[in-house]
C-alpha atoms as a PDB file:
ATOM      1  CA  UNK A   1     -15.547   5.135   0.082  1.00  0.00           C
ATOM      2  CA  UNK A   2     -16.009   2.011   2.745  1.00  0.00           C
ATOM      3  CA  UNK A   3     -15.874  -1.139   0.788  1.00  0.00           C
ATOM      4  CA  UNK A   4     -17.201  -3.387   3.704  1.00  0.00           C
ATOM      5  CA  UNK A   5     -18.486  -6.668   2.890  1.00  0.00           C
ATOM      6  CA  UNK A   6     -20.743  -8.493   5.629  1.00  0.00           C
ATOM      7  CA  UNK A   7     -19.911 -12.612   5.043  1.00  0.00           C
ATOM      8  CA  UNK A   8     -23.159 -12.594   7.243  1.00  0.00           C
ATOM      9  CA  UNK A   9     -24.948 -11.632   4.269  1.00  0.00           C
ATOM     10  CA  UNK A  10     -23.642 -13.781   0.919  1.00  0.00           C
ATOM     11  CA  UNK A  11     -24.403 -17.342  -0.065  1.00  0.00           C
ATOM     12  CA  UNK A  12     -21.430 -19.796   0.454  1.00  0.00           C
ATOM     13  CA  UNK A  13     -19.945 -19.517  -3.300  1.00  0.00           C
ATOM     14  CA  UNK A  14     -17.722 -17.211  -5.770  1.00  0.00           C
ATOM     15  CA  UNK A  15     -18.553 -13.295  -5.118  1.00  0.00           C
ATOM     16  CA  UNK A  16     -16.755 -10.905  -7.149  1.00  0.00           C
ATOM     17  CA  UNK A  17     -16.410  -7.313  -6.231  1.00  0.00           C
ATOM     18  CA  UNK A  18     -14.141  -4.415  -8.131  1.00  0.00           C
ATOM     19  CA  UNK A  19     -14.249  -1.040  -6.459  1.00  0.00           C
ATOM     20  CA  UNK A  20     -11.503   1.920  -6.280  1.00  0.00           C
ATOM     21  CA  UNK A  21      -9.853   3.049  -3.420  1.00  0.00           C
ATOM     22  CA  UNK A  22      -9.445   7.341  -3.858  1.00  0.00           C
ATOM     23  CA  UNK A  23      -6.282   9.781  -2.213  1.00  0.00           C
ATOM     24  CA  UNK A  24      -9.010  11.216  -0.160  1.00  0.00           C
ATOM     25  CA  UNK A  25      -9.513   7.420   1.567  1.00  0.00           C
ATOM     26  CA  UNK A  26      -5.727   6.547   1.395  1.00  0.00           C
ATOM     27  CA  UNK A  27      -4.516  10.098   3.565  1.00  0.00           C
ATOM     28  CA  UNK A  28      -7.339   9.523   6.292  1.00  0.00           C
ATOM     29  CA  UNK A  29      -5.129   6.227   7.456  1.00  0.00           C
ATOM     30  CA  UNK A  30      -3.681   7.380  10.048  1.00  0.00           C
ATOM     31  CA  UNK A  31       0.439   7.294  10.308  1.00  0.00           C
ATOM     32  CA  UNK A  32       1.009   5.923   6.638  1.00  0.00           C
ATOM     33  CA  UNK A  33       3.728   6.937   3.752  1.00  0.00           C
ATOM     34  CA  UNK A  34       0.556   7.407   1.186  1.00  0.00           C
ATOM     35  CA  UNK A  35      -0.401  10.784   0.283  1.00  0.00           C
ATOM     36  CA  UNK A  36      -2.560  10.416  -2.405  1.00  0.00           C
ATOM     37  CA  UNK A  37      -3.514   7.683  -4.743  1.00  0.00           C
ATOM     38  CA  UNK A  38      -6.307   6.437  -7.172  1.00  0.00           C
ATOM     39  CA  UNK A  39      -6.111   2.277  -6.910  1.00  0.00           C
ATOM     40  CA  UNK A  40      -8.834   0.532  -9.188  1.00  0.00           C
ATOM     41  CA  UNK A  41      -8.974  -3.031  -7.231  1.00  0.00           C
ATOM     42  CA  UNK A  42     -10.991  -5.881  -7.443  1.00  0.00           C
ATOM     43  CA  UNK A  43     -11.408  -8.954  -4.948  1.00  0.00           C
ATOM     44  CA  UNK A  44     -12.331 -12.517  -5.664  1.00  0.00           C
ATOM     45  CA  UNK A  45     -14.356 -14.403  -2.639  1.00  0.00           C
ATOM     46  CA  UNK A  46     -14.873 -18.082  -2.158  1.00  0.00           C
ATOM     47  CA  UNK A  47     -17.057 -17.874   0.637  1.00  0.00           C
ATOM     48  CA  UNK A  48     -17.646 -21.596   2.322  1.00  0.00           C
ATOM     49  CA  UNK A  49     -19.448 -22.533   5.314  1.00  0.00           C
ATOM     50  CA  UNK A  50     -16.415 -22.805   7.391  1.00  0.00           C
ATOM     51  CA  UNK A  51     -14.187 -20.272   5.553  1.00  0.00           C
ATOM     52  CA  UNK A  52     -12.907 -18.190   2.816  1.00  0.00           C
ATOM     53  CA  UNK A  53     -10.319 -17.664   0.288  1.00  0.00           C
ATOM     54  CA  UNK A  54     -10.153 -13.982  -1.382  1.00  0.00           C
ATOM     55  CA  UNK A  55      -7.820 -13.186  -4.130  1.00  0.00           C
ATOM     56  CA  UNK A  56      -7.228  -9.328  -4.023  1.00  0.00           C
ATOM     57  CA  UNK A  57      -5.694  -7.533  -6.981  1.00  0.00           C
ATOM     58  CA  UNK A  58      -4.712  -3.465  -7.093  1.00  0.00           C
ATOM     59  CA  UNK A  59      -2.984  -1.789  -9.934  1.00  0.00           C
ATOM     60  CA  UNK A  60      -2.610   2.111 -10.123  1.00  0.00           C
ATOM     61  CA  UNK A  61      -0.734   5.313  -8.712  1.00  0.00           C
ATOM     62  CA  UNK A  62       0.443   6.160  -5.446  1.00  0.00           C
ATOM     63  CA  UNK A  63       2.005   9.052  -4.072  1.00  0.00           C
ATOM     64  CA  UNK A  64       4.773   8.871  -1.220  1.00  0.00           C
ATOM     65  CA  UNK A  65       7.685  11.412   0.280  1.00  0.00           C
ATOM     66  CA  UNK A  66      10.867  10.911  -1.975  1.00  0.00           C
ATOM     67  CA  UNK A  67      13.253   9.521   0.546  1.00  0.00           C
ATOM     68  CA  UNK A  68      16.509  11.980  -0.885  1.00  0.00           C
ATOM     69  CA  UNK A  69      15.204  14.849  -1.466  1.00  0.00           C
ATOM     70  CA  UNK A  70      11.483  14.604   0.624  1.00  0.00           C
ATOM     71  CA  UNK A  71       9.515  16.429  -2.018  1.00  0.00           C
ATOM     72  CA  UNK A  72       5.861  13.914  -3.219  1.00  0.00           C
ATOM     73  CA  UNK A  73       6.597  11.312  -6.091  1.00  0.00           C
ATOM     74  CA  UNK A  74       4.181   9.042  -7.448  1.00  0.00           C
ATOM     75  CA  UNK A  75       4.644   5.363  -8.201  1.00  0.00           C
ATOM     76  CA  UNK A  76       3.057   2.743 -10.074  1.00  0.00           C
ATOM     77  CA  UNK A  77       1.573  -0.212  -7.983  1.00  0.00           C
ATOM     78  CA  UNK A  78      -0.045  -3.402  -9.288  1.00  0.00           C
ATOM     79  CA  UNK A  79      -0.484  -6.587  -7.200  1.00  0.00           C
ATOM     80  CA  UNK A  80      -2.263  -9.114  -6.145  1.00  0.00           C
ATOM     81  CA  UNK A  81      -2.406 -12.091  -3.277  1.00  0.00           C
ATOM     82  CA  UNK A  82      -3.963 -15.185  -1.781  1.00  0.00           C
ATOM     83  CA  UNK A  83      -5.146 -15.506   1.497  1.00  0.00           C
ATOM     84  CA  UNK A  84      -7.898 -17.799   3.387  1.00  0.00           C
ATOM     85  CA  UNK A  85      -9.602 -16.986   6.869  1.00  0.00           C
ATOM     86  CA  UNK A  86     -11.982 -18.783   9.367  1.00  0.00           C
ATOM     87  CA  UNK A  87     -15.308 -17.392   9.844  1.00  0.00           C
ATOM     88  CA  UNK A  88     -16.525 -19.020  12.551  1.00  0.00           C
ATOM     89  CA  UNK A  89     -13.733 -17.294  14.004  1.00  0.00           C
ATOM     90  CA  UNK A  90     -16.260 -16.628  18.080  1.00  0.00           C
ATOM     91  CA  UNK A  91     -13.873 -14.587  19.782  1.00  0.00           C
ATOM     92  CA  UNK A  92     -16.470 -11.647  21.612  1.00  0.00           C
ATOM     93  CA  UNK A  93     -14.195  -8.842  19.582  1.00  0.00           C
ATOM     94  CA  UNK A  94     -15.534 -10.829  16.201  1.00  0.00           C
ATOM     95  CA  UNK A  95     -18.869 -11.696  17.355  1.00  0.00           C
ATOM     96  CA  UNK A  96     -19.531  -7.717  18.458  1.00  0.00           C
ATOM     97  CA  UNK A  97     -17.923  -7.086  15.123  1.00  0.00           C
ATOM     98  CA  UNK A  98     -20.267  -9.888  13.069  1.00  0.00           C
ATOM     99  CA  UNK A  99     -18.121 -11.265   9.817  1.00  0.00           C
ATOM    100  CA  UNK A 100     -16.592  -8.513   7.895  1.00  0.00           C
ATOM    101  CA  UNK A 101     -14.422  -7.826   5.550  1.00  0.00           C
ATOM    102  CA  UNK A 102     -12.712  -4.647   4.787  1.00  0.00           C
ATOM    103  CA  UNK A 103     -11.908  -4.957   0.840  1.00  0.00           C
ATOM    104  CA  UNK A 104      -9.988  -0.901   1.039  1.00  0.00           C
ATOM    105  CA  UNK A 105      -8.090  -2.007   3.454  1.00  0.00           C
ATOM    106  CA  UNK A 106      -6.609  -4.913   2.609  1.00  0.00           C
ATOM    107  CA  UNK A 107      -6.017  -3.826  -0.972  1.00  0.00           C
ATOM    108  CA  UNK A 108      -3.822  -0.757   1.195  1.00  0.00           C
ATOM    109  CA  UNK A 109      -1.524  -3.696   2.668  1.00  0.00           C
ATOM    110  CA  UNK A 110      -1.298  -4.896  -0.444  1.00  0.00           C
ATOM    111  CA  UNK A 111      -0.106  -1.820  -2.033  1.00  0.00           C
ATOM    112  CA  UNK A 112       2.099  -0.551   0.801  1.00  0.00           C
ATOM    113  CA  UNK A 113       4.053  -4.082   0.670  1.00  0.00           C
ATOM    114  CA  UNK A 114       4.518  -3.946  -2.566  1.00  0.00           C
ATOM    115  CA  UNK A 115       6.492  -0.752  -2.665  1.00  0.00           C
ATOM    116  CA  UNK A 116       9.824  -0.217  -3.179  1.00  0.00           C
ATOM    117  CA  UNK A 117      11.892  -0.088   0.201  1.00  0.00           C
ATOM    118  CA  UNK A 118      13.705   3.329  -1.011  1.00  0.00           C
ATOM    119  CA  UNK A 119      11.702   5.878  -2.522  1.00  0.00           C
ATOM    120  CA  UNK A 120      13.732   8.128  -4.773  1.00  0.00           C
ATOM    121  CA  UNK A 121      12.903  10.268  -8.359  1.00  0.00           C
ATOM    122  CA  UNK A 122      14.072   8.923 -11.409  1.00  0.00           C
ATOM    123  CA  UNK A 123      17.628  10.516 -12.032  1.00  0.00           C
ATOM    124  CA  UNK A 124      17.175  14.421 -12.053  1.00  0.00           C
ATOM    125  CA  UNK A 125      13.780  13.873 -10.558  1.00  0.00           C
ATOM    126  CA  UNK A 126      14.859  15.596  -8.174  1.00  0.00           C
ATOM    127  CA  UNK A 127      14.353  19.093  -6.383  1.00  0.00           C
ATOM    128  CA  UNK A 128      17.194  20.678  -7.473  1.00  0.00           C
ATOM    129  CA  UNK A 129      17.064  23.079  -4.529  1.00  0.00           C
ATOM    130  CA  UNK A 130      17.693  19.854  -2.909  1.00  0.00           C
ATOM    131  CA  UNK A 131      19.653  18.517  -4.581  1.00  0.00           C
ATOM    132  CA  UNK A 132      21.792  20.648  -4.653  1.00  0.00           C
ATOM    133  CA  UNK A 133      22.485  20.855  -0.997  1.00  0.00           C
ATOM    134  CA  UNK A 134      22.945  17.127  -0.624  1.00  0.00           C
ATOM    135  CA  UNK A 135      26.043  17.762  -3.284  1.00  0.00           C
ATOM    136  CA  UNK A 136      27.797  20.412  -1.497  1.00  0.00           C
ATOM    137  CA  UNK A 137      27.781  17.301   1.890  1.00  0.00           C
ATOM    138  CA  UNK A 138      27.867  14.564  -0.413  1.00  0.00           C
ATOM    139  CA  UNK A 139      31.221  12.570   1.189  1.00  0.00           C
ATOM    140  CA  UNK A 140      33.218  11.542  -1.603  1.00  0.00           C
ATOM    141  CA  UNK A 141      35.801   8.454  -1.335  1.00  0.00           C
ATOM    142  CA  UNK A 142      38.812  10.185  -2.358  1.00  0.00           C
ATOM    143  CA  UNK A 143      42.472   9.941  -0.605  1.00  0.00           C
ATOM    144  CA  UNK A 144      44.188  12.590   1.093  1.00  0.00           C
ATOM    145  CA  UNK A 145      47.548  13.780  -0.703  1.00  0.00           C
ATOM    146  CA  UNK A 146      50.785  12.510   0.889  1.00  0.00           C
ATOM    147  CA  UNK A 147      52.509  14.332   3.256  1.00  0.00           C
ATOM    148  CA  UNK A 148      55.619  14.329   2.140  1.00  0.00           C
ATOM    149  CA  UNK A 149      58.524  14.194   4.725  1.00  0.00           C
END
């Protein structure tokens, strides 16, 4: 479901939006590290004549690939952020598109920048076959035995 807000149809003031970003929308984002998810989001828009502030908050879970065993894993997400933008950008691209805000995209970006850098299952949560393979190829720091001369 798209959650695109056309600023030209809103009067100046405060506008609140509550929406859901589902797995189908997340899977539709090209080259995304998010495999699936269920996110509840809120946006509070303070629209003025020439600019606006918007606060976006997200809470839910997303599915990513474990960096260790390469199996899907779930991560909890909770984040919020503010931004200010100019509604009077008169560039040709903005004029043709109108003054729109894609709330799903803002939620997606907020999720991605707040994910941990490394995605790994908790201890014992990785695929046991892959974990065994990794253990077989694990480098250790043991020093080799000294050779007697």
